[in-house]
Amino acid sequence: MTATTTDFTALTGTYTLDAAHTRLGFVARHAMVTKVRGAFNVFEGTATIDGTDPSKSTVSITIDVDSVDTRNEGRDGHLKSGDFLEIEKFPKITFTSTSITHDGGNDFQVTGDLTIKGVTKSVTIPLEFQGAAKDPFGNERIGFEGSVAINRSDYGVSFNAALETGGVLVSEKITLEFEISAVKNA
């Protein structure tokens, strides 16, 4: 199977994340036996794409931590508390790209500053270009997907509880998941 090369030149422009068709999610292992998935439902972001030279592209995202949703109100409340994300002091999570590289084909590496609870660390997110299309409303739309694992303790999110059988209640490793749909600005 040969890899196809996409001409990204036509994609040059500024895009706004479409919150209705984008998922900014996370996965954590719970009680050492299962995974709990969640997402943030309120966020905004922009991407400026240079299709000729992807290294000149930029991405910026701001997430409203109060919008955390794991399909369990009690768990969501606990995640918002001082044990985890402490929304009274840190209501936003941000990501601002510092470099973007094109690995060839549809693969990109987006490196940037991820800030959670006032702690900023560099993280590289591998993203795969999913395609471009004009939707039925005339919007030029692009899509990317990817994920990256981080250690939540690196960001001061360190609450845990030991289990009688060994191990801990919540994994240190959190996988951040990105399913992005963005619309080109007029």
N, C-alpha and C. Protein backbone atom coordinates (compact mmCIF):
# COMPACT_ATOMS: atom_id res chain seq x y z
N MET A 1 0.85 -1.18 0.00
CA MET A 1 0.00 0.00 0.00
C MET A 1 0.89 1.24 0.00
N THR A 2 0.67 2.15 -0.90
CA THR A 2 1.48 3.37 -0.96
C THR A 2 0.76 4.51 -0.26
N ALA A 3 1.53 5.34 0.41
CA ALA A 3 0.95 6.49 1.11
C ALA A 3 0.59 7.56 0.10
N THR A 4 -0.54 8.18 0.31
CA THR A 4 -0.93 9.28 -0.57
C THR A 4 -0.45 10.58 0.06
N THR A 5 -0.06 11.50 -0.79
CA THR A 5 0.39 12.79 -0.31
C THR A 5 -0.69 13.82 -0.59
N THR A 6 -1.07 14.56 0.42
CA THR A 6 -2.08 15.59 0.29
C THR A 6 -1.39 16.91 -0.03
N ASP A 7 -1.97 17.68 -0.95
CA ASP A 7 -1.49 19.03 -1.23
C ASP A 7 -2.16 19.95 -0.22
N PHE A 8 -1.40 20.41 0.75
CA PHE A 8 -1.95 21.23 1.82
C PHE A 8 -2.03 22.71 1.46
N THR A 9 -1.49 23.11 0.31
CA THR A 9 -1.45 24.51 -0.09
C THR A 9 -2.84 25.14 -0.06
N ALA A 10 -3.85 24.44 -0.57
CA ALA A 10 -5.21 24.98 -0.63
C ALA A 10 -5.82 25.17 0.76
N LEU A 11 -5.23 24.58 1.77
CA LEU A 11 -5.78 24.67 3.12
C LEU A 11 -5.30 25.91 3.88
N THR A 12 -4.39 26.67 3.29
CA THR A 12 -3.84 27.85 3.95
C THR A 12 -4.97 28.78 4.39
N GLY A 13 -4.92 29.19 5.64
CA GLY A 13 -5.92 30.11 6.18
C GLY A 13 -6.07 29.95 7.67
N THR A 14 -7.01 30.70 8.23
CA THR A 14 -7.29 30.62 9.66
C THR A 14 -8.61 29.89 9.87
N TYR A 15 -8.60 28.97 10.82
CA TYR A 15 -9.74 28.11 11.10
C TYR A 15 -10.17 28.27 12.56
N THR A 16 -11.46 28.07 12.79
CA THR A 16 -12.01 28.07 14.14
C THR A 16 -12.51 26.67 14.45
N LEU A 17 -12.17 26.16 15.63
CA LEU A 17 -12.67 24.85 16.03
C LEU A 17 -14.19 24.88 16.07
N ASP A 18 -14.80 23.84 15.53
CA ASP A 18 -16.25 23.68 15.55
C ASP A 18 -16.57 22.83 16.77
N ALA A 19 -16.99 23.48 17.85
CA ALA A 19 -17.22 22.78 19.11
C ALA A 19 -18.30 21.71 19.00
N ALA A 20 -19.24 21.86 18.09
CA ALA A 20 -20.31 20.88 17.95
C ALA A 20 -19.83 19.59 17.28
N HIS A 21 -18.68 19.66 16.62
CA HIS A 21 -18.16 18.49 15.90
C HIS A 21 -16.72 18.15 16.30
N THR A 22 -16.27 18.67 17.42
CA THR A 22 -14.93 18.42 17.93
C THR A 22 -15.05 17.79 19.31
N ARG A 23 -14.17 16.84 19.60
CA ARG A 23 -14.13 16.23 20.93
C ARG A 23 -12.73 16.41 21.50
N LEU A 24 -12.65 17.04 22.66
CA LEU A 24 -11.40 17.15 23.41
C LEU A 24 -11.59 16.28 24.64
N GLY A 25 -11.08 15.05 24.56
CA GLY A 25 -11.38 14.06 25.58
C GLY A 25 -10.16 13.58 26.34
N PHE A 26 -10.43 12.70 27.30
CA PHE A 26 -9.36 12.10 28.09
C PHE A 26 -9.80 10.72 28.54
N VAL A 27 -8.80 9.89 28.84
CA VAL A 27 -9.04 8.54 29.34
C VAL A 27 -8.10 8.30 30.52
N ALA A 28 -8.66 7.76 31.60
CA ALA A 28 -7.86 7.40 32.78
C ALA A 28 -8.25 6.00 33.21
N ARG A 29 -7.28 5.25 33.69
CA ARG A 29 -7.58 3.93 34.24
C ARG A 29 -8.14 4.14 35.65
N HIS A 30 -9.23 3.41 35.96
CA HIS A 30 -9.89 3.54 37.25
C HIS A 30 -9.86 2.20 37.99
N ALA A 31 -9.41 2.22 39.23
CA ALA A 31 -9.36 1.05 40.11
C ALA A 31 -8.56 -0.10 39.48
N MET A 32 -7.67 0.25 38.58
CA MET A 32 -6.75 -0.71 37.95
C MET A 32 -7.46 -1.72 37.05
N VAL A 33 -8.78 -1.58 36.84
CA VAL A 33 -9.50 -2.61 36.10
C VAL A 33 -10.27 -2.10 34.88
N THR A 34 -10.50 -0.81 34.79
CA THR A 34 -11.28 -0.30 33.67
C THR A 34 -10.82 1.10 33.31
N LYS A 35 -11.33 1.61 32.22
CA LYS A 35 -11.01 2.97 31.80
C LYS A 35 -12.25 3.84 31.95
N VAL A 36 -12.03 5.06 32.39
CA VAL A 36 -13.09 6.06 32.45
C VAL A 36 -12.76 7.10 31.40
N ARG A 37 -13.75 7.43 30.57
CA ARG A 37 -13.57 8.42 29.52
C ARG A 37 -14.35 9.68 29.87
N GLY A 38 -13.81 10.79 29.46
CA GLY A 38 -14.50 12.05 29.67
C GLY A 38 -14.11 13.03 28.58
N ALA A 39 -14.73 14.18 28.63
CA ALA A 39 -14.44 15.23 27.65
C ALA A 39 -14.73 16.58 28.28
N PHE A 40 -14.24 17.60 27.63
CA PHE A 40 -14.58 18.97 27.98
C PHE A 40 -15.51 19.47 26.88
N ASN A 41 -16.68 19.97 27.27
CA ASN A 41 -17.70 20.33 26.30
C ASN A 41 -17.67 21.79 25.87
N VAL A 42 -16.96 22.64 26.64
CA VAL A 42 -16.89 24.06 26.31
C VAL A 42 -15.43 24.44 26.11
N PHE A 43 -15.13 24.92 24.91
CA PHE A 43 -13.76 25.32 24.56
C PHE A 43 -13.81 26.20 23.32
N GLU A 44 -12.71 26.85 23.07
CA GLU A 44 -12.57 27.61 21.82
C GLU A 44 -11.14 27.46 21.35
N GLY A 45 -10.98 27.55 20.06
CA GLY A 45 -9.63 27.41 19.53
C GLY A 45 -9.55 27.86 18.09
N THR A 46 -8.34 28.20 17.71
CA THR A 46 -8.07 28.60 16.33
C THR A 46 -6.80 27.90 15.85
N ALA A 47 -6.75 27.73 14.56
CA ALA A 47 -5.54 27.20 13.91
C ALA A 47 -5.28 28.06 12.68
N THR A 48 -4.08 28.53 12.57
CA THR A 48 -3.66 29.23 11.36
C THR A 48 -2.76 28.28 10.61
N ILE A 49 -3.20 27.89 9.42
CA ILE A 49 -2.50 26.87 8.64
C ILE A 49 -1.75 27.53 7.50
N ASP A 50 -0.47 27.22 7.41
CA ASP A 50 0.34 27.59 6.25
C ASP A 50 0.59 26.29 5.48
N GLY A 51 -0.19 26.07 4.44
CA GLY A 51 -0.12 24.83 3.68
C GLY A 51 1.16 24.66 2.90
N THR A 52 1.85 25.75 2.63
CA THR A 52 3.12 25.69 1.92
C THR A 52 4.26 25.34 2.87
N ASP A 53 4.21 25.88 4.08
CA ASP A 53 5.24 25.65 5.08
C ASP A 53 4.56 25.40 6.43
N PRO A 54 4.18 24.13 6.70
CA PRO A 54 3.45 23.83 7.95
C PRO A 54 4.17 24.30 9.22
N SER A 55 5.48 24.48 9.17
CA SER A 55 6.20 24.94 10.37
C SER A 55 5.79 26.36 10.77
N LYS A 56 5.16 27.09 9.87
CA LYS A 56 4.69 28.44 10.17
C LYS A 56 3.25 28.44 10.68
N SER A 57 2.66 27.27 10.82
CA SER A 57 1.29 27.14 11.31
C SER A 57 1.26 27.28 12.83
N THR A 58 0.09 27.64 13.36
CA THR A 58 -0.07 27.78 14.81
C THR A 58 -1.43 27.23 15.24
N VAL A 59 -1.50 26.84 16.52
CA VAL A 59 -2.74 26.34 17.12
C VAL A 59 -2.84 26.93 18.53
N SER A 60 -4.06 27.31 18.91
CA SER A 60 -4.30 27.82 20.26
C SER A 60 -5.69 27.34 20.71
N ILE A 61 -5.74 26.75 21.91
CA ILE A 61 -7.01 26.23 22.45
C ILE A 61 -7.14 26.66 23.91
N THR A 62 -8.34 27.08 24.29
CA THR A 62 -8.67 27.38 25.68
C THR A 62 -9.89 26.55 26.06
N ILE A 63 -9.76 25.80 27.15
CA ILE A 63 -10.81 24.88 27.61
C ILE A 63 -11.39 25.39 28.92
N ASP A 64 -12.72 25.39 29.02
CA ASP A 64 -13.42 25.73 30.24
C ASP A 64 -13.49 24.47 31.11
N VAL A 65 -12.72 24.43 32.19
CA VAL A 65 -12.62 23.24 33.03
C VAL A 65 -13.98 22.87 33.63
N ASP A 66 -14.84 23.85 33.88
CA ASP A 66 -16.15 23.58 34.47
C ASP A 66 -17.02 22.71 33.55
N SER A 67 -16.62 22.56 32.29
CA SER A 67 -17.41 21.78 31.33
C SER A 67 -17.02 20.31 31.29
N VAL A 68 -16.19 19.86 32.25
CA VAL A 68 -15.77 18.46 32.27
C VAL A 68 -17.00 17.56 32.37
N ASP A 69 -16.99 16.48 31.57
CA ASP A 69 -18.16 15.60 31.50
C ASP A 69 -17.70 14.15 31.38
N THR A 70 -17.93 13.37 32.45
CA THR A 70 -17.61 11.94 32.43
C THR A 70 -18.88 11.10 32.51
N ARG A 71 -20.02 11.72 32.32
CA ARG A 71 -21.32 11.06 32.39
C ARG A 71 -21.68 10.64 33.82
N ASN A 72 -21.04 11.28 34.81
CA ASN A 72 -21.33 10.99 36.21
C ASN A 72 -21.15 12.29 36.98
N GLU A 73 -22.27 12.85 37.45
CA GLU A 73 -22.25 14.16 38.10
C GLU A 73 -21.34 14.20 39.33
N GLY A 74 -21.37 13.15 40.15
CA GLY A 74 -20.52 13.10 41.33
C GLY A 74 -19.04 13.10 40.98
N ARG A 75 -18.68 12.29 39.99
CA ARG A 75 -17.28 12.24 39.55
C ARG A 75 -16.86 13.58 38.95
N ASP A 76 -17.75 14.19 38.14
CA ASP A 76 -17.43 15.49 37.55
C ASP A 76 -17.18 16.53 38.65
N GLY A 77 -18.01 16.51 39.69
CA GLY A 77 -17.82 17.43 40.81
C GLY A 77 -16.49 17.20 41.50
N HIS A 78 -16.11 15.94 41.67
CA HIS A 78 -14.83 15.63 42.31
C HIS A 78 -13.67 16.11 41.43
N LEU A 79 -13.78 15.93 40.11
CA LEU A 79 -12.73 16.39 39.20
C LEU A 79 -12.57 17.91 39.25
N LYS A 80 -13.65 18.62 39.51
CA LYS A 80 -13.61 20.09 39.58
C LYS A 80 -13.04 20.59 40.91
N SER A 81 -12.99 19.72 41.92
CA SER A 81 -12.58 20.11 43.27
C SER A 81 -11.06 20.27 43.38
N GLY A 82 -10.64 20.70 44.55
CA GLY A 82 -9.21 20.88 44.84
C GLY A 82 -8.42 19.59 44.77
N ASP A 83 -9.08 18.43 44.87
CA ASP A 83 -8.38 17.16 44.75
C ASP A 83 -7.81 16.98 43.34
N PHE A 84 -8.48 17.57 42.35
CA PHE A 84 -8.06 17.37 40.96
C PHE A 84 -7.78 18.70 40.27
N LEU A 85 -8.76 19.29 39.59
CA LEU A 85 -8.51 20.43 38.71
C LEU A 85 -8.70 21.80 39.36
N GLU A 86 -9.32 21.86 40.53
CA GLU A 86 -9.41 23.08 41.33
C GLU A 86 -9.91 24.28 40.52
N ILE A 87 -11.15 24.18 40.03
CA ILE A 87 -11.64 25.18 39.07
C ILE A 87 -11.78 26.59 39.64
N GLU A 88 -11.94 26.74 40.95
CA GLU A 88 -12.04 28.11 41.49
C GLU A 88 -10.75 28.89 41.23
N LYS A 89 -9.62 28.24 41.36
CA LYS A 89 -8.34 28.90 41.13
C LYS A 89 -7.86 28.78 39.69
N PHE A 90 -8.24 27.70 39.01
CA PHE A 90 -7.72 27.42 37.66
C PHE A 90 -8.88 27.04 36.73
N PRO A 91 -9.66 28.03 36.29
CA PRO A 91 -10.86 27.73 35.50
C PRO A 91 -10.59 27.33 34.05
N LYS A 92 -9.36 27.50 33.58
CA LYS A 92 -9.06 27.21 32.18
C LYS A 92 -7.86 26.28 32.04
N ILE A 93 -7.89 25.47 31.00
CA ILE A 93 -6.73 24.70 30.53
C ILE A 93 -6.41 25.30 29.18
N THR A 94 -5.12 25.53 28.90
CA THR A 94 -4.75 26.12 27.61
C THR A 94 -3.67 25.30 26.93
N PHE A 95 -3.66 25.41 25.62
CA PHE A 95 -2.60 24.83 24.79
C PHE A 95 -2.27 25.85 23.72
N THR A 96 -0.98 26.16 23.61
CA THR A 96 -0.50 27.08 22.58
C THR A 96 0.69 26.43 21.89
N SER A 97 0.58 26.24 20.59
CA SER A 97 1.66 25.57 19.86
C SER A 97 2.93 26.41 19.86
N THR A 98 4.06 25.70 19.87
CA THR A 98 5.37 26.34 19.76
C THR A 98 6.09 25.89 18.49
N SER A 99 5.70 24.73 17.94
CA SER A 99 6.24 24.27 16.67
C SER A 99 5.33 23.21 16.08
N ILE A 100 5.32 23.15 14.76
CA ILE A 100 4.54 22.14 14.05
C ILE A 100 5.44 21.58 12.96
N THR A 101 5.54 20.26 12.92
CA THR A 101 6.33 19.61 11.88
C THR A 101 5.45 18.64 11.10
N HIS A 102 5.75 18.53 9.82
CA HIS A 102 5.04 17.62 8.93
C HIS A 102 5.92 16.40 8.76
N ASP A 103 5.43 15.24 9.20
CA ASP A 103 6.21 14.01 9.13
C ASP A 103 6.11 13.32 7.78
N GLY A 104 5.35 13.90 6.89
CA GLY A 104 5.11 13.27 5.60
C GLY A 104 3.71 12.70 5.57
N GLY A 105 3.18 12.49 4.37
CA GLY A 105 1.81 11.99 4.26
C GLY A 105 0.85 12.91 4.96
N ASN A 106 0.03 12.35 5.84
CA ASN A 106 -0.96 13.13 6.58
C ASN A 106 -0.61 13.30 8.05
N ASP A 107 0.65 13.02 8.41
CA ASP A 107 1.06 13.03 9.82
C ASP A 107 1.81 14.30 10.20
N PHE A 108 1.39 14.87 11.34
CA PHE A 108 1.99 16.09 11.87
C PHE A 108 2.33 15.89 13.34
N GLN A 109 3.31 16.63 13.82
CA GLN A 109 3.66 16.68 15.24
C GLN A 109 3.43 18.12 15.68
N VAL A 110 2.49 18.31 16.60
CA VAL A 110 2.19 19.65 17.11
C VAL A 110 2.73 19.73 18.53
N THR A 111 3.77 20.51 18.71
CA THR A 111 4.39 20.70 20.02
C THR A 111 3.93 22.04 20.56
N GLY A 112 3.62 22.05 21.86
CA GLY A 112 3.18 23.31 22.45
C GLY A 112 3.18 23.26 23.95
N ASP A 113 2.80 24.40 24.52
CA ASP A 113 2.73 24.57 25.96
C ASP A 113 1.33 24.24 26.44
N LEU A 114 1.22 23.17 27.24
CA LEU A 114 -0.04 22.77 27.84
C LEU A 114 -0.02 23.25 29.29
N THR A 115 -1.03 24.05 29.66
CA THR A 115 -1.11 24.58 31.02
C THR A 115 -2.35 24.03 31.71
N ILE A 116 -2.10 23.30 32.81
CA ILE A 116 -3.16 22.74 33.65
C ILE A 116 -2.83 23.14 35.09
N LYS A 117 -3.79 23.70 35.80
CA LYS A 117 -3.61 24.14 37.20
C LYS A 117 -2.40 25.05 37.36
N GLY A 118 -2.18 25.94 36.38
CA GLY A 118 -1.09 26.90 36.47
C GLY A 118 0.28 26.33 36.18
N VAL A 119 0.38 25.05 35.83
CA VAL A 119 1.65 24.41 35.51
C VAL A 119 1.72 24.24 33.99
N THR A 120 2.80 24.73 33.41
CA THR A 120 2.98 24.66 31.96
C THR A 120 4.10 23.69 31.63
N LYS A 121 3.80 22.74 30.75
CA LYS A 121 4.78 21.76 30.27
C LYS A 121 4.66 21.66 28.76
N SER A 122 5.78 21.36 28.13
CA SER A 122 5.77 21.14 26.69
C SER A 122 5.28 19.72 26.41
N VAL A 123 4.40 19.60 25.43
CA VAL A 123 3.86 18.30 25.03
C VAL A 123 3.79 18.27 23.51
N THR A 124 4.08 17.10 22.93
CA THR A 124 3.99 16.93 21.49
C THR A 124 2.82 15.98 21.19
N ILE A 125 1.91 16.48 20.37
CA ILE A 125 0.71 15.72 20.02
C ILE A 125 0.82 15.27 18.56
N PRO A 126 0.89 13.96 18.32
CA PRO A 126 0.86 13.49 16.94
C PRO A 126 -0.58 13.58 16.41
N LEU A 127 -0.74 14.29 15.31
CA LEU A 127 -2.06 14.44 14.71
C LEU A 127 -2.04 13.92 13.28
N GLU A 128 -3.12 13.26 12.89
CA GLU A 128 -3.26 12.79 11.52
C GLU A 128 -4.35 13.60 10.83
N PHE A 129 -4.02 14.16 9.68
CA PHE A 129 -4.98 14.90 8.87
C PHE A 129 -6.02 13.92 8.34
N GLN A 130 -7.30 14.20 8.61
CA GLN A 130 -8.39 13.30 8.21
C GLN A 130 -9.04 13.70 6.90
N GLY A 131 -8.78 14.94 6.47
CA GLY A 131 -9.36 15.35 5.20
C GLY A 131 -9.92 16.75 5.25
N ALA A 132 -10.35 17.21 4.08
CA ALA A 132 -10.97 18.53 3.92
C ALA A 132 -12.22 18.35 3.07
N ALA A 133 -13.23 19.16 3.37
CA ALA A 133 -14.48 19.07 2.62
C ALA A 133 -15.23 20.38 2.73
N LYS A 134 -16.06 20.64 1.73
CA LYS A 134 -17.01 21.75 1.82
C LYS A 134 -18.31 21.14 2.31
N ASP A 135 -18.80 21.63 3.44
CA ASP A 135 -20.03 21.05 3.99
C ASP A 135 -21.26 21.61 3.25
N PRO A 136 -22.46 21.08 3.53
CA PRO A 136 -23.67 21.53 2.82
C PRO A 136 -24.01 23.00 3.03
N PHE A 137 -23.37 23.65 4.01
CA PHE A 137 -23.65 25.05 4.30
C PHE A 137 -22.59 25.98 3.68
N GLY A 138 -21.69 25.39 2.87
CA GLY A 138 -20.67 26.18 2.18
C GLY A 138 -19.40 26.42 2.99
N ASN A 139 -19.29 25.82 4.17
CA ASN A 139 -18.10 25.99 5.00
C ASN A 139 -16.98 25.07 4.52
N GLU A 140 -15.77 25.61 4.46
CA GLU A 140 -14.61 24.78 4.20
C GLU A 140 -14.16 24.21 5.55
N ARG A 141 -14.11 22.89 5.63
CA ARG A 141 -13.90 22.19 6.89
C ARG A 141 -12.69 21.26 6.77
N ILE A 142 -11.90 21.18 7.85
CA ILE A 142 -10.78 20.24 7.90
C ILE A 142 -10.89 19.42 9.19
N GLY A 143 -10.26 18.24 9.19
CA GLY A 143 -10.30 17.39 10.37
C GLY A 143 -8.95 16.79 10.69
N PHE A 144 -8.67 16.65 11.98
CA PHE A 144 -7.46 16.03 12.49
C PHE A 144 -7.84 15.14 13.66
N GLU A 145 -7.09 14.06 13.86
CA GLU A 145 -7.27 13.21 15.03
C GLU A 145 -5.92 12.83 15.60
N GLY A 146 -5.88 12.64 16.92
CA GLY A 146 -4.65 12.20 17.55
C GLY A 146 -4.82 12.05 19.05
N SER A 147 -3.78 11.56 19.70
CA SER A 147 -3.81 11.42 21.15
C SER A 147 -2.38 11.44 21.68
N VAL A 148 -2.28 11.76 22.96
CA VAL A 148 -0.98 11.78 23.63
C VAL A 148 -1.21 11.47 25.11
N ALA A 149 -0.25 10.77 25.71
CA ALA A 149 -0.33 10.45 27.14
C ALA A 149 0.48 11.47 27.92
N ILE A 150 -0.07 11.91 29.05
CA ILE A 150 0.65 12.79 29.97
C ILE A 150 0.57 12.17 31.36
N ASN A 151 1.43 12.63 32.26
CA ASN A 151 1.38 12.24 33.66
C ASN A 151 0.68 13.37 34.40
N ARG A 152 -0.47 13.10 34.97
CA ARG A 152 -1.26 14.15 35.61
C ARG A 152 -0.55 14.78 36.80
N SER A 153 0.30 14.02 37.49
CA SER A 153 1.04 14.56 38.63
C SER A 153 2.02 15.66 38.21
N ASP A 154 2.49 15.61 36.96
CA ASP A 154 3.37 16.67 36.45
C ASP A 154 2.68 18.02 36.47
N TYR A 155 1.35 18.02 36.50
CA TYR A 155 0.56 19.25 36.48
C TYR A 155 -0.09 19.54 37.84
N GLY A 156 0.36 18.86 38.87
CA GLY A 156 -0.18 19.09 40.21
C GLY A 156 -1.54 18.46 40.44
N VAL A 157 -1.92 17.52 39.58
CA VAL A 157 -3.18 16.80 39.74
C VAL A 157 -2.81 15.44 40.33
N SER A 158 -2.70 15.40 41.67
CA SER A 158 -2.05 14.24 42.29
C SER A 158 -2.91 13.44 43.26
N PHE A 159 -4.19 13.77 43.42
CA PHE A 159 -5.05 13.01 44.33
C PHE A 159 -5.06 11.54 43.94
N ASN A 160 -5.06 10.65 44.94
CA ASN A 160 -5.21 9.23 44.70
C ASN A 160 -5.61 8.53 45.99
N ALA A 161 -5.98 7.29 45.85
CA ALA A 161 -6.31 6.45 47.01
C ALA A 161 -5.81 5.05 46.73
N ALA A 162 -5.19 4.43 47.74
CA ALA A 162 -4.68 3.07 47.59
C ALA A 162 -5.84 2.08 47.61
N LEU A 163 -5.69 1.01 46.85
CA LEU A 163 -6.69 -0.06 46.83
C LEU A 163 -6.24 -1.20 47.73
N GLU A 164 -7.18 -1.88 48.35
CA GLU A 164 -6.85 -3.02 49.22
C GLU A 164 -6.09 -4.10 48.47
N THR A 165 -6.39 -4.26 47.20
CA THR A 165 -5.77 -5.31 46.39
C THR A 165 -4.44 -4.86 45.78
N GLY A 166 -3.99 -3.68 46.14
CA GLY A 166 -2.77 -3.12 45.55
C GLY A 166 -3.14 -2.18 44.42
N GLY A 167 -2.22 -1.31 44.11
CA GLY A 167 -2.50 -0.34 43.06
C GLY A 167 -3.23 0.87 43.63
N VAL A 168 -3.70 1.72 42.71
CA VAL A 168 -4.33 2.97 43.11
C VAL A 168 -5.66 3.15 42.38
N LEU A 169 -6.46 4.07 42.88
CA LEU A 169 -7.78 4.32 42.34
C LEU A 169 -7.74 4.94 40.94
N VAL A 170 -6.83 5.91 40.72
CA VAL A 170 -6.77 6.62 39.44
C VAL A 170 -5.35 6.56 38.90
N SER A 171 -5.21 6.20 37.64
CA SER A 171 -3.88 6.11 37.02
C SER A 171 -3.20 7.48 36.94
N GLU A 172 -1.89 7.46 37.01
CA GLU A 172 -1.13 8.69 36.81
C GLU A 172 -1.15 9.09 35.34
N LYS A 173 -1.14 8.07 34.46
CA LYS A 173 -1.14 8.31 33.02
C LYS A 173 -2.55 8.65 32.57
N ILE A 174 -2.68 9.78 31.89
CA ILE A 174 -3.94 10.21 31.30
C ILE A 174 -3.70 10.36 29.80
N THR A 175 -4.57 9.76 29.01
CA THR A 175 -4.46 9.92 27.56
C THR A 175 -5.41 11.02 27.13
N LEU A 176 -4.84 12.03 26.48
CA LEU A 176 -5.64 13.13 25.93
C LEU A 176 -5.99 12.76 24.49
N GLU A 177 -7.26 12.91 24.13
CA GLU A 177 -7.73 12.53 22.80
C GLU A 177 -8.28 13.76 22.07
N PHE A 178 -7.93 13.86 20.79
CA PHE A 178 -8.34 15.00 19.99
C PHE A 178 -9.01 14.51 18.71
N GLU A 179 -10.26 14.88 18.53
CA GLU A 179 -11.01 14.64 17.29
C GLU A 179 -11.49 16.02 16.86
N ILE A 180 -10.78 16.61 15.92
CA ILE A 180 -10.93 18.03 15.61
C ILE A 180 -11.59 18.25 14.27
N SER A 181 -12.60 19.10 14.28
CA SER A 181 -13.21 19.61 13.06
C SER A 181 -13.13 21.13 13.16
N ALA A 182 -12.56 21.75 12.13
CA ALA A 182 -12.40 23.21 12.15
C ALA A 182 -12.92 23.78 10.84
N VAL A 183 -13.48 24.98 10.95
CA VAL A 183 -14.08 25.65 9.80
C VAL A 183 -13.23 26.87 9.45
N LYS A 184 -12.94 27.00 8.14
CA LYS A 184 -12.13 28.12 7.65
C LYS A 184 -12.90 29.43 7.81
N ASN A 185 -12.23 30.42 8.39
CA ASN A 185 -12.83 31.73 8.57
C ASN A 185 -13.00 32.41 7.20
N ALA A 186 -14.07 33.19 7.08
CA ALA A 186 -14.34 33.89 5.81
C ALA A 186 -13.30 34.97 5.54
